[in-house]
Amino acid sequence: MSFLEVKKVSLFFGGLAAIKDISFSLAKGEILGLIGPNGAGKTTLFNVVNGFYKPSRGDVLFKDRSIAGLKPHRICRRGLARTFQVVKPLQRMSVHDNVIASAFLRARDKKQAEEVARDVLEFTGLFEDRDVISKGLPLGKRKRLEIARALATQPELLLLDESFAGLNASELDVSMGIIRQIKNRGITIMIIEHHMRVIMALSDRIVVLNYGEKIAEGAPQEIRNNAQVVEAYLGEAQSA
């Protein structure tokens, strides 16, 4: 049984296909990487999966139930959360209050929300920054706060949209460690990322998009050696 199944999904804006006939599945406990050049349709696909866009054609199944066309908050309550490429914390609120706000989506009461928030802040290494106003955090910690807010909704499936962009080498290592620990907690992950070191190290499988279509799927080594992928993306990405 597939945990997430994307079935021939297309999304049209007017007559233009942003993504076209994309199909793949994601097994429970897996990390699936999603790569491709800028404008390939990666974030658009995320927006379909988590309910920002309703697919023009096709279906998205999560735990064998269609979620295509459901509102994002309803999909999140079913156990699917995401981060955003441009981090969007509640800037005038503390780190702690940002995470609490997310925890209330599924927490029964304030006590449980507080417990979830504390666990998530300790897990992501942000507990010492809990009283800091979020707009004052450096980029690396704002990226981690975005992950913490998603984790506070207690997801079973986490979509990460360029959570490593702009990080230095040591911050990359910290964040990669957190992603591995998330997987160890039994949370399934789909990740968009341009850092090839990150995507190759973390992914069990990789799906490659180009011009809104899937051009390849396979294990990291297969993708690294795929001539079509190298021509479309990897040669440029690995030299960047």
C-alpha atoms as a PDB file:
ATOM      1  CA  MET A   1       0.000   0.000   0.000  1.00  0.00           C
ATOM      2  CA  SER A   2       1.322   3.441  -0.966  1.00  0.00           C
ATOM      3  CA  PHE A   3       1.356   6.048   1.775  1.00  0.00           C
ATOM      4  CA  LEU A   4       1.062   8.865  -0.770  1.00  0.00           C
ATOM      5  CA  GLU A   5       0.109   8.319  -4.384  1.00  0.00           C
ATOM      6  CA  VAL A   6       0.172  11.007  -7.056  1.00  0.00           C
ATOM      7  CA  LYS A   7      -1.847   9.741 -10.024  1.00  0.00           C
ATOM      8  CA  LYS A   8      -1.523  11.439 -13.435  1.00  0.00           C
ATOM      9  CA  VAL A   9      -1.737  14.906 -11.870  1.00  0.00           C
ATOM     10  CA  SER A  10      -1.898  17.933 -14.171  1.00  0.00           C
ATOM     11  CA  LEU A  11      -2.441  21.600 -13.347  1.00  0.00           C
ATOM     12  CA  PHE A  12      -3.267  24.170 -15.994  1.00  0.00           C
ATOM     13  CA  PHE A  13      -3.196  27.950 -15.661  1.00  0.00           C
ATOM     14  CA  GLY A  14      -5.279  29.058 -18.611  1.00  0.00           C
ATOM     15  CA  GLY A  15      -3.950  26.936 -21.444  1.00  0.00           C
ATOM     16  CA  LEU A  16      -0.485  26.523 -19.919  1.00  0.00           C
ATOM     17  CA  ALA A  17       0.417  23.261 -18.189  1.00  0.00           C
ATOM     18  CA  ALA A  18       2.405  23.995 -15.010  1.00  0.00           C
ATOM     19  CA  ILE A  19       2.654  20.245 -14.347  1.00  0.00           C
ATOM     20  CA  LYS A  20       1.469  17.477 -16.644  1.00  0.00           C
ATOM     21  CA  ASP A  21       0.552  13.827 -16.047  1.00  0.00           C
ATOM     22  CA  ILE A  22       2.851  13.333 -13.054  1.00  0.00           C
ATOM     23  CA  SER A  23       2.614  10.004 -11.253  1.00  0.00           C
ATOM     24  CA  PHE A  24       4.666   8.497  -8.426  1.00  0.00           C
ATOM     25  CA  SER A  25       4.129   6.911  -5.022  1.00  0.00           C
ATOM     26  CA  LEU A  26       5.755   7.288  -1.636  1.00  0.00           C
ATOM     27  CA  ALA A  27       6.077   4.444   0.870  1.00  0.00           C
ATOM     28  CA  LYS A  28       5.657   4.953   4.603  1.00  0.00           C
ATOM     29  CA  GLY A  29       8.968   5.791   6.273  1.00  0.00           C
ATOM     30  CA  GLU A  30      10.667   6.769   3.001  1.00  0.00           C
ATOM     31  CA  ILE A  31      12.477   9.988   2.078  1.00  0.00           C
ATOM     32  CA  LEU A  32      11.656  10.965  -1.508  1.00  0.00           C
ATOM     33  CA  GLY A  33      13.722  13.709  -3.139  1.00  0.00           C
ATOM     34  CA  LEU A  34      12.152  15.967  -5.763  1.00  0.00           C
ATOM     35  CA  ILE A  35      14.632  17.771  -8.013  1.00  0.00           C
ATOM     36  CA  GLY A  36      14.746  19.685 -11.269  1.00  0.00           C
ATOM     37  CA  PRO A  37      15.691  23.059 -12.734  1.00  0.00           C
ATOM     38  CA  ASN A  38      14.046  26.276 -11.575  1.00  0.00           C
ATOM     39  CA  GLY A  39      10.524  26.438 -12.992  1.00  0.00           C
ATOM     40  CA  ALA A  40      10.284  22.652 -13.397  1.00  0.00           C
ATOM     41  CA  GLY A  41       7.071  22.496 -11.332  1.00  0.00           C
ATOM     42  CA  LYS A  42       8.374  21.199  -8.001  1.00  0.00           C
ATOM     43  CA  THR A  43       6.721  23.723  -5.677  1.00  0.00           C
ATOM     44  CA  THR A  44       3.594  23.692  -7.848  1.00  0.00           C
ATOM     45  CA  LEU A  45       3.381  19.951  -7.255  1.00  0.00           C
ATOM     46  CA  PHE A  46       3.752  20.512  -3.490  1.00  0.00           C
ATOM     47  CA  ASN A  47       0.953  23.086  -3.707  1.00  0.00           C
ATOM     48  CA  VAL A  48      -1.306  20.480  -5.314  1.00  0.00           C
ATOM     49  CA  VAL A  49      -0.412  17.779  -2.781  1.00  0.00           C
ATOM     50  CA  ASN A  50      -1.106  19.970   0.241  1.00  0.00           C
ATOM     51  CA  GLY A  51      -4.239  21.632  -1.102  1.00  0.00           C
ATOM     52  CA  PHE A  52      -3.243  25.107  -2.254  1.00  0.00           C
ATOM     53  CA  TYR A  53      -4.242  24.115  -5.789  1.00  0.00           C
ATOM     54  CA  LYS A  54      -6.850  21.634  -6.924  1.00  0.00           C
ATOM     55  CA  PRO A  55      -5.456  19.498  -9.757  1.00  0.00           C
ATOM     56  CA  SER A  56      -6.978  20.107 -13.180  1.00  0.00           C
ATOM     57  CA  ARG A  57      -6.697  16.379 -13.819  1.00  0.00           C
ATOM     58  CA  GLY A  58      -5.644  13.376 -11.812  1.00  0.00           C
ATOM     59  CA  ASP A  59      -5.803  12.543  -8.112  1.00  0.00           C
ATOM     60  CA  VAL A  60      -3.725  12.598  -4.923  1.00  0.00           C
ATOM     61  CA  LEU A  61      -4.263   9.775  -2.421  1.00  0.00           C
ATOM     62  CA  PHE A  62      -2.976   9.983   1.161  1.00  0.00           C
ATOM     63  CA  LYS A  63      -3.373   6.796   3.188  1.00  0.00           C
ATOM     64  CA  ASP A  64      -5.648   5.459   0.419  1.00  0.00           C
ATOM     65  CA  ARG A  65      -8.068   8.418   0.586  1.00  0.00           C
ATOM     66  CA  SER A  66      -8.296  11.179  -2.004  1.00  0.00           C
ATOM     67  CA  ILE A  67      -7.211  14.594  -0.736  1.00  0.00           C
ATOM     68  CA  ALA A  68      -7.369  16.372  -4.109  1.00  0.00           C
ATOM     69  CA  GLY A  69      -9.227  19.641  -3.679  1.00  0.00           C
ATOM     70  CA  LEU A  70      -9.347  19.577   0.137  1.00  0.00           C
ATOM     71  CA  LYS A  71      -8.332  22.789   1.923  1.00  0.00           C
ATOM     72  CA  PRO A  72      -4.774  22.837   3.332  1.00  0.00           C
ATOM     73  CA  HIS A  73      -5.897  22.913   6.994  1.00  0.00           C
ATOM     74  CA  ARG A  74      -8.047  19.807   6.458  1.00  0.00           C
ATOM     75  CA  ILE A  75      -5.155  17.989   4.788  1.00  0.00           C
ATOM     76  CA  CYS A  76      -2.875  19.045   7.650  1.00  0.00           C
ATOM     77  CA  ARG A  77      -5.323  17.605  10.202  1.00  0.00           C
ATOM     78  CA  ARG A  78      -5.110  14.298   8.338  1.00  0.00           C
ATOM     79  CA  GLY A  79      -1.366  14.274   9.011  1.00  0.00           C
ATOM     80  CA  LEU A  80       0.322  16.003   6.060  1.00  0.00           C
ATOM     81  CA  ALA A  81       2.348  19.159   6.817  1.00  0.00           C
ATOM     82  CA  ARG A  82       4.747  21.298   4.795  1.00  0.00           C
ATOM     83  CA  THR A  83       7.363  24.014   4.998  1.00  0.00           C
ATOM     84  CA  PHE A  84       7.761  26.893   2.549  1.00  0.00           C
ATOM     85  CA  GLN A  85      10.640  27.945   0.326  1.00  0.00           C
ATOM     86  CA  VAL A  86      10.326  31.488   1.702  1.00  0.00           C
ATOM     87  CA  VAL A  87      10.122  31.088   5.487  1.00  0.00           C
ATOM     88  CA  LYS A  88       6.981  32.639   6.935  1.00  0.00           C
ATOM     89  CA  PRO A  89       7.098  32.731  10.738  1.00  0.00           C
ATOM     90  CA  LEU A  90       4.704  34.919  12.716  1.00  0.00           C
ATOM     91  CA  GLN A  91       7.375  37.605  12.884  1.00  0.00           C
ATOM     92  CA  ARG A  92       6.205  39.565  15.931  1.00  0.00           C
ATOM     93  CA  MET A  93       5.723  36.455  18.028  1.00  0.00           C
ATOM     94  CA  SER A  94       8.338  34.507  19.950  1.00  0.00           C
ATOM     95  CA  VAL A  95       9.765  31.233  18.689  1.00  0.00           C
ATOM     96  CA  HIS A  96       7.765  29.426  21.390  1.00  0.00           C
ATOM     97  CA  ASP A  97       4.478  31.106  20.444  1.00  0.00           C
ATOM     98  CA  ASN A  98       5.044  30.322  16.760  1.00  0.00           C
ATOM     99  CA  VAL A  99       5.315  26.623  17.575  1.00  0.00           C
ATOM    100  CA  ILE A 100       2.386  26.721  20.032  1.00  0.00           C
ATOM    101  CA  ALA A 101       0.176  28.250  17.345  1.00  0.00           C
ATOM    102  CA  SER A 102       0.923  25.286  15.058  1.00  0.00           C
ATOM    103  CA  ALA A 103       0.503  22.742  17.850  1.00  0.00           C
ATOM    104  CA  PHE A 104      -3.075  23.886  18.477  1.00  0.00           C
ATOM    105  CA  LEU A 105      -4.093  22.506  15.065  1.00  0.00           C
ATOM    106  CA  ARG A 106      -4.225  19.006  16.557  1.00  0.00           C
ATOM    107  CA  ALA A 107      -3.636  19.415  20.315  1.00  0.00           C
ATOM    108  CA  ARG A 108      -6.633  18.707  22.555  1.00  0.00           C
ATOM    109  CA  ASP A 109      -5.880  21.535  24.980  1.00  0.00           C
ATOM    110  CA  LYS A 110      -3.238  24.073  26.033  1.00  0.00           C
ATOM    111  CA  LYS A 111      -1.381  21.538  28.187  1.00  0.00           C
ATOM    112  CA  GLN A 112      -0.888  19.174  25.264  1.00  0.00           C
ATOM    113  CA  ALA A 113       0.077  22.060  22.959  1.00  0.00           C
ATOM    114  CA  GLU A 114       2.727  23.145  25.481  1.00  0.00           C
ATOM    115  CA  GLU A 115       4.090  19.601  25.697  1.00  0.00           C
ATOM    116  CA  VAL A 116       4.259  19.270  21.917  1.00  0.00           C
ATOM    117  CA  ALA A 117       5.940  22.675  21.584  1.00  0.00           C
ATOM    118  CA  ARG A 118       8.595  21.857  24.177  1.00  0.00           C
ATOM    119  CA  ASP A 119       9.380  18.512  22.553  1.00  0.00           C
ATOM    120  CA  VAL A 120       9.648  20.070  19.081  1.00  0.00           C
ATOM    121  CA  LEU A 121      11.814  22.973  20.263  1.00  0.00           C
ATOM    122  CA  GLU A 122      14.220  20.630  22.039  1.00  0.00           C
ATOM    123  CA  PHE A 123      14.255  18.274  19.051  1.00  0.00           C
ATOM    124  CA  THR A 124      15.145  21.064  16.596  1.00  0.00           C
ATOM    125  CA  GLY A 125      17.685  22.726  18.905  1.00  0.00           C
ATOM    126  CA  LEU A 126      15.605  25.886  19.349  1.00  0.00           C
ATOM    127  CA  PHE A 127      14.635  25.560  23.006  1.00  0.00           C
ATOM    128  CA  GLU A 128      17.253  28.082  24.139  1.00  0.00           C
ATOM    129  CA  ASP A 129      15.807  30.552  21.601  1.00  0.00           C
ATOM    130  CA  ARG A 130      12.193  30.010  22.673  1.00  0.00           C
ATOM    131  CA  ASP A 131      11.711  33.597  23.921  1.00  0.00           C
ATOM    132  CA  VAL A 132      13.380  35.261  20.927  1.00  0.00           C
ATOM    133  CA  ILE A 133      11.059  37.208  18.590  1.00  0.00           C
ATOM    134  CA  SER A 134      11.157  35.147  15.407  1.00  0.00           C
ATOM    135  CA  LYS A 135      12.059  37.965  13.010  1.00  0.00           C
ATOM    136  CA  GLY A 136      15.310  38.390  14.976  1.00  0.00           C
ATOM    137  CA  LEU A 137      16.534  34.855  14.253  1.00  0.00           C
ATOM    138  CA  PRO A 138      19.356  34.281  11.757  1.00  0.00           C
ATOM    139  CA  LEU A 139      18.372  32.461   8.552  1.00  0.00           C
ATOM    140  CA  GLY A 140      19.566  29.025   9.681  1.00  0.00           C
ATOM    141  CA  LYS A 141      17.392  29.122  12.782  1.00  0.00           C
ATOM    142  CA  ARG A 142      14.423  30.587  10.875  1.00  0.00           C
ATOM    143  CA  LYS A 143      14.651  27.592   8.530  1.00  0.00           C
ATOM    144  CA  ARG A 144      14.658  25.296  11.566  1.00  0.00           C
ATOM    145  CA  LEU A 145      11.690  27.171  13.046  1.00  0.00           C
ATOM    146  CA  GLU A 146       9.782  26.502   9.819  1.00  0.00           C
ATOM    147  CA  ILE A 147      10.459  22.782  10.286  1.00  0.00           C
ATOM    148  CA  ALA A 148       9.523  23.027  13.989  1.00  0.00           C
ATOM    149  CA  ARG A 149       6.181  24.661  13.162  1.00  0.00           C
ATOM    150  CA  ALA A 150       5.380  21.861  10.715  1.00  0.00           C
ATOM    151  CA  LEU A 151       6.418  19.174  13.218  1.00  0.00           C
ATOM    152  CA  ALA A 152       4.174  20.741  15.877  1.00  0.00           C
ATOM    153  CA  THR A 153       1.130  19.720  13.831  1.00  0.00           C
ATOM    154  CA  GLN A 154       2.219  16.087  14.505  1.00  0.00           C
ATOM    155  CA  PRO A 155       2.453  15.032  10.855  1.00  0.00           C
ATOM    156  CA  GLU A 156       2.831  11.567   9.432  1.00  0.00           C
ATOM    157  CA  LEU A 157       4.082  13.023   6.130  1.00  0.00           C
ATOM    158  CA  LEU A 158       6.268  16.133   5.943  1.00  0.00           C
ATOM    159  CA  LEU A 159       6.893  18.124   2.745  1.00  0.00           C
ATOM    160  CA  LEU A 160      10.097  20.191   2.909  1.00  0.00           C
ATOM    161  CA  ASP A 161      10.477  22.951   0.300  1.00  0.00           C
ATOM    162  CA  GLU A 162      14.154  24.014   0.066  1.00  0.00           C
ATOM    163  CA  SER A 163      14.743  23.893   3.808  1.00  0.00           C
ATOM    164  CA  PHE A 164      18.520  23.986   3.193  1.00  0.00           C
ATOM    165  CA  ALA A 165      18.670  27.000   0.844  1.00  0.00           C
ATOM    166  CA  GLY A 166      21.072  29.690   2.016  1.00  0.00           C
ATOM    167  CA  LEU A 167      22.641  27.633   4.812  1.00  0.00           C
ATOM    168  CA  ASN A 168      26.374  27.417   5.389  1.00  0.00           C
ATOM    169  CA  ALA A 169      28.209  24.079   5.646  1.00  0.00           C
ATOM    170  CA  SER A 170      27.816  23.634   9.410  1.00  0.00           C
ATOM    171  CA  GLU A 171      24.127  24.610   9.276  1.00  0.00           C
ATOM    172  CA  LEU A 172      23.626  22.091   6.460  1.00  0.00           C
ATOM    173  CA  ASP A 173      25.080  19.328   8.641  1.00  0.00           C
ATOM    174  CA  VAL A 174      22.829  20.258  11.583  1.00  0.00           C
ATOM    175  CA  SER A 175      19.722  20.321   9.397  1.00  0.00           C
ATOM    176  CA  MET A 176      20.604  17.025   7.700  1.00  0.00           C
ATOM    177  CA  GLY A 177      20.920  15.465  11.152  1.00  0.00           C
ATOM    178  CA  ILE A 178      17.481  16.760  12.091  1.00  0.00           C
ATOM    179  CA  ILE A 179      15.943  15.322   8.899  1.00  0.00           C
ATOM    180  CA  ARG A 180      17.455  11.908   9.652  1.00  0.00           C
ATOM    181  CA  GLN A 181      16.053  12.074  13.193  1.00  0.00           C
ATOM    182  CA  ILE A 182      12.625  12.997  11.805  1.00  0.00           C
ATOM    183  CA  LYS A 183      12.752   9.855   9.668  1.00  0.00           C
ATOM    184  CA  ASN A 184      13.809   7.852  12.734  1.00  0.00           C
ATOM    185  CA  ARG A 185      10.637   9.079  14.450  1.00  0.00           C
ATOM    186  CA  GLY A 186       8.641   7.306  11.736  1.00  0.00           C
ATOM    187  CA  ILE A 187       7.705  10.409   9.760  1.00  0.00           C
ATOM    188  CA  THR A 188       7.694  10.068   5.975  1.00  0.00           C
ATOM    189  CA  ILE A 189       9.363  12.912   4.055  1.00  0.00           C
ATOM    190  CA  MET A 190       9.232  14.432   0.584  1.00  0.00           C
ATOM    191  CA  ILE A 191      11.894  17.063  -0.007  1.00  0.00           C
ATOM    192  CA  ILE A 192      12.589  19.662  -2.699  1.00  0.00           C
ATOM    193  CA  GLU A 193      16.231  20.670  -2.674  1.00  0.00           C
ATOM    194  CA  HIS A 194      18.924  22.087  -4.970  1.00  0.00           C
ATOM    195  CA  HIS A 195      21.879  21.023  -2.795  1.00  0.00           C
ATOM    196  CA  MET A 196      22.937  17.787  -4.492  1.00  0.00           C
ATOM    197  CA  ARG A 197      25.026  16.692  -1.482  1.00  0.00           C
ATOM    198  CA  VAL A 198      21.909  16.934   0.652  1.00  0.00           C
ATOM    199  CA  ILE A 199      19.491  15.274  -1.758  1.00  0.00           C
ATOM    200  CA  MET A 200      21.849  12.395  -2.604  1.00  0.00           C
ATOM    201  CA  ALA A 201      22.699  11.759   1.059  1.00  0.00           C
ATOM    202  CA  LEU A 202      19.148  11.855   2.419  1.00  0.00           C
ATOM    203  CA  SER A 203      16.909  10.424  -0.303  1.00  0.00           C
ATOM    204  CA  ASP A 204      15.881   6.785  -0.614  1.00  0.00           C
ATOM    205  CA  ARG A 205      14.502   7.582  -4.077  1.00  0.00           C
ATOM    206  CA  ILE A 206      14.480  10.675  -6.297  1.00  0.00           C
ATOM    207  CA  VAL A 207      11.887  11.985  -8.769  1.00  0.00           C
ATOM    208  CA  VAL A 208      13.129  14.434 -11.404  1.00  0.00           C
ATOM    209  CA  LEU A 209      10.904  17.056 -13.027  1.00  0.00           C
ATOM    210  CA  ASN A 210      11.649  19.179 -16.093  1.00  0.00           C
ATOM    211  CA  TYR A 211       9.247  21.565 -17.819  1.00  0.00           C
ATOM    212  CA  GLY A 212       6.415  20.292 -15.622  1.00  0.00           C
ATOM    213  CA  GLU A 213       6.867  16.620 -16.505  1.00  0.00           C
ATOM    214  CA  LYS A 214       8.530  13.695 -14.748  1.00  0.00           C
ATOM    215  CA  ILE A 215      11.638  12.675 -16.672  1.00  0.00           C
ATOM    216  CA  ALA A 216      13.169  10.149 -14.279  1.00  0.00           C
ATOM    217  CA  GLU A 217      12.683   8.254 -11.023  1.00  0.00           C
ATOM    218  CA  GLY A 218      15.037   5.990  -9.130  1.00  0.00           C
ATOM    219  CA  ALA A 219      17.663   5.503  -6.440  1.00  0.00           C
ATOM    220  CA  PRO A 220      20.208   8.320  -6.007  1.00  0.00           C
ATOM    221  CA  GLN A 221      22.957   6.490  -7.901  1.00  0.00           C
ATOM    222  CA  GLU A 222      20.612   5.743 -10.816  1.00  0.00           C
ATOM    223  CA  ILE A 223      19.660   9.415 -11.023  1.00  0.00           C
ATOM    224  CA  ARG A 224      23.291  10.530 -10.837  1.00  0.00           C
ATOM    225  CA  ASN A 225      24.097   8.295 -13.828  1.00  0.00           C
ATOM    226  CA  ASN A 226      20.985   9.103 -15.897  1.00  0.00           C
ATOM    227  CA  ALA A 227      22.115  10.903 -19.062  1.00  0.00           C
ATOM    228  CA  GLN A 228      18.792  12.711 -19.520  1.00  0.00           C
ATOM    229  CA  VAL A 229      18.901  14.027 -15.945  1.00  0.00           C
ATOM    230  CA  VAL A 230      22.530  15.113 -16.270  1.00  0.00           C
ATOM    231  CA  GLU A 231      21.703  17.011 -19.463  1.00  0.00           C
ATOM    232  CA  ALA A 232      18.581  18.639 -18.002  1.00  0.00           C
ATOM    233  CA  TYR A 233      19.832  19.428 -14.522  1.00  0.00           C
ATOM    234  CA  LEU A 234      22.601  17.605 -12.695  1.00  0.00           C
ATOM    235  CA  GLY A 235      25.560  18.882 -14.727  1.00  0.00           C
ATOM    236  CA  GLU A 236      24.507  22.461 -13.990  1.00  0.00           C
ATOM    237  CA  ALA A 237      23.556  21.756 -10.351  1.00  0.00           C
ATOM    238  CA  GLN A 238      26.731  19.893  -9.455  1.00  0.00           C
ATOM    239  CA  SER A 239      28.964  22.589 -10.932  1.00  0.00           C
ATOM    240  CA  ALA A 240      27.098  25.345  -9.078  1.00  0.00           C
END
